[in-house]
Amino acid sequence: MKLLKVEGLCYSHNGHQLLTNINLEIRNKQVTGVIADNQERLELLLSVIGGSLPEASGSVSLGGVPVGPQERLKRIGVAQE
């Protein structure tokens, strides 16, 4: 079962493309590592996946269900219902 699926995720800020076409799948009972060129880029990726920052394009699915940034924040217990 896919717990998390990220497809074609892109993020830009002030006209600068900071994340481009990120694809990631995390399955149940799977150990997954993510390597980035620097710590800031990794934190940025996790912020976009988690919903703290809106993606410019692409999609994030939790448990096979596509969810937007606000729904992701609610599911992980950060945002209010």
C-alpha atoms as a PDB file:
ATOM      1  CA  MET A   1       0.000   0.000   0.000  1.00  0.00           C
ATOM      2  CA  LYS A   2       1.261   3.483  -0.900  1.00  0.00           C
ATOM      3  CA  LEU A   3       1.238   5.721   2.164  1.00  0.00           C
ATOM      4  CA  LEU A   4       2.600   8.774   0.368  1.00  0.00           C
ATOM      5  CA  LYS A   5       2.941   9.504  -3.333  1.00  0.00           C
ATOM      6  CA  VAL A   6       4.411  12.710  -4.745  1.00  0.00           C
ATOM      7  CA  GLU A   7       4.193  13.287  -8.503  1.00  0.00           C
ATOM      8  CA  GLY A   8       5.756  16.112 -10.502  1.00  0.00           C
ATOM      9  CA  LEU A   9       6.055  18.388  -7.478  1.00  0.00           C
ATOM     10  CA  CYS A  10       7.435  21.857  -8.271  1.00  0.00           C
ATOM     11  CA  TYR A  11       7.909  24.904  -6.081  1.00  0.00           C
ATOM     12  CA  SER A  12       9.080  28.392  -6.968  1.00  0.00           C
ATOM     13  CA  HIS A  13       9.647  31.551  -4.933  1.00  0.00           C
ATOM     14  CA  ASN A  14      10.213  35.069  -6.258  1.00  0.00           C
ATOM     15  CA  GLY A  15      10.573  33.725  -9.782  1.00  0.00           C
ATOM     16  CA  HIS A  16      13.188  31.115  -8.844  1.00  0.00           C
ATOM     17  CA  GLN A  17      12.401  27.444  -9.433  1.00  0.00           C
ATOM     18  CA  LEU A  18      13.557  25.768  -6.199  1.00  0.00           C
ATOM     19  CA  LEU A  19      12.030  22.291  -6.627  1.00  0.00           C
ATOM     20  CA  THR A  20      11.501  20.764 -10.051  1.00  0.00           C
ATOM     21  CA  ASN A  21       9.560  17.619 -10.940  1.00  0.00           C
ATOM     22  CA  ILE A  22       9.989  15.733  -7.649  1.00  0.00           C
ATOM     23  CA  ASN A  23       8.618  12.170  -7.644  1.00  0.00           C
ATOM     24  CA  LEU A  24       8.517   9.993  -4.533  1.00  0.00           C
ATOM     25  CA  GLU A  25       6.631   6.945  -3.285  1.00  0.00           C
ATOM     26  CA  ILE A  26       6.629   5.665   0.261  1.00  0.00           C
ATOM     27  CA  ARG A  27       4.977   2.318   0.858  1.00  0.00           C
ATOM     28  CA  ASN A  28       3.837   0.594   4.020  1.00  0.00           C
ATOM     29  CA  LYS A  29       6.706  -1.105   5.912  1.00  0.00           C
ATOM     30  CA  GLN A  30       9.315   0.489   3.640  1.00  0.00           C
ATOM     31  CA  VAL A  31      12.364   2.424   4.774  1.00  0.00           C
ATOM     32  CA  THR A  32      12.914   5.475   2.565  1.00  0.00           C
ATOM     33  CA  GLY A  33      15.755   7.965   2.509  1.00  0.00           C
ATOM     34  CA  VAL A  34      15.740  11.358   0.830  1.00  0.00           C
ATOM     35  CA  ILE A  35      18.983  13.031  -0.183  1.00  0.00           C
ATOM     36  CA  ALA A  36      19.176  16.689  -1.189  1.00  0.00           C
ATOM     37  CA  ASP A  37      22.039  18.915  -2.303  1.00  0.00           C
ATOM     38  CA  ASN A  38      21.720  20.905   0.939  1.00  0.00           C
ATOM     39  CA  GLN A  39      19.742  20.982   4.184  1.00  0.00           C
ATOM     40  CA  GLU A  40      17.639  23.978   3.128  1.00  0.00           C
ATOM     41  CA  ARG A  41      16.443  22.179   0.009  1.00  0.00           C
ATOM     42  CA  LEU A  42      15.452  19.126   2.052  1.00  0.00           C
ATOM     43  CA  GLU A  43      13.554  21.279   4.556  1.00  0.00           C
ATOM     44  CA  LEU A  44      11.831  23.051   1.661  1.00  0.00           C
ATOM     45  CA  LEU A  45      10.771  19.714   0.141  1.00  0.00           C
ATOM     46  CA  LEU A  46       9.363  18.510   3.465  1.00  0.00           C
ATOM     47  CA  SER A  47       7.510  21.812   3.955  1.00  0.00           C
ATOM     48  CA  VAL A  48       5.862  21.546   0.536  1.00  0.00           C
ATOM     49  CA  ILE A  49       4.975  17.866   0.993  1.00  0.00           C
ATOM     50  CA  GLY A  50       3.617  18.595   4.481  1.00  0.00           C
ATOM     51  CA  GLY A  51       1.469  21.463   3.220  1.00  0.00           C
ATOM     52  CA  SER A  52       3.183  24.390   4.974  1.00  0.00           C
ATOM     53  CA  LEU A  53       4.085  25.810   1.548  1.00  0.00           C
ATOM     54  CA  PRO A  54       1.894  25.486  -1.567  1.00  0.00           C
ATOM     55  CA  GLU A  55       3.282  23.585  -4.538  1.00  0.00           C
ATOM     56  CA  ALA A  56       3.401  25.383  -7.899  1.00  0.00           C
ATOM     57  CA  SER A  57       2.411  22.168  -9.659  1.00  0.00           C
ATOM     58  CA  GLY A  58       2.256  18.451  -9.083  1.00  0.00           C
ATOM     59  CA  SER A  59       0.274  16.374  -6.635  1.00  0.00           C
ATOM     60  CA  VAL A  60       0.538  14.704  -3.250  1.00  0.00           C
ATOM     61  CA  SER A  61      -1.548  11.665  -2.298  1.00  0.00           C
ATOM     62  CA  LEU A  62      -1.955  10.176   1.172  1.00  0.00           C
ATOM     63  CA  GLY A  63      -3.202   6.597   1.271  1.00  0.00           C
ATOM     64  CA  GLY A  64      -4.058   6.799  -2.425  1.00  0.00           C
ATOM     65  CA  VAL A  65      -6.223   9.926  -2.034  1.00  0.00           C
ATOM     66  CA  PRO A  66      -5.025  13.200  -3.629  1.00  0.00           C
ATOM     67  CA  VAL A  67      -4.946  15.977  -1.020  1.00  0.00           C
ATOM     68  CA  GLY A  68      -4.224  19.701  -1.125  1.00  0.00           C
ATOM     69  CA  PRO A  69      -1.922  21.612   1.251  1.00  0.00           C
ATOM     70  CA  GLN A  70      -4.593  22.447   3.848  1.00  0.00           C
ATOM     71  CA  GLU A  71      -5.851  18.857   3.982  1.00  0.00           C
ATOM     72  CA  ARG A  72      -2.293  17.593   4.461  1.00  0.00           C
ATOM     73  CA  LEU A  73      -1.825  19.954   7.404  1.00  0.00           C
ATOM     74  CA  LYS A  74      -5.078  18.718   8.963  1.00  0.00           C
ATOM     75  CA  ARG A  75      -4.141  15.057   8.517  1.00  0.00           C
ATOM     76  CA  ILE A  76      -0.830  15.467  10.280  1.00  0.00           C
ATOM     77  CA  GLY A  77      -2.482  17.466  13.053  1.00  0.00           C
ATOM     78  CA  VAL A  78      -1.013  20.921  12.373  1.00  0.00           C
ATOM     79  CA  ALA A  79      -4.057  22.846  11.060  1.00  0.00           C
ATOM     80  CA  GLN A  80      -7.461  23.233  12.635  1.00  0.00           C
ATOM     81  CA  GLU A  81     -10.517  21.560  11.133  1.00  0.00           C
END
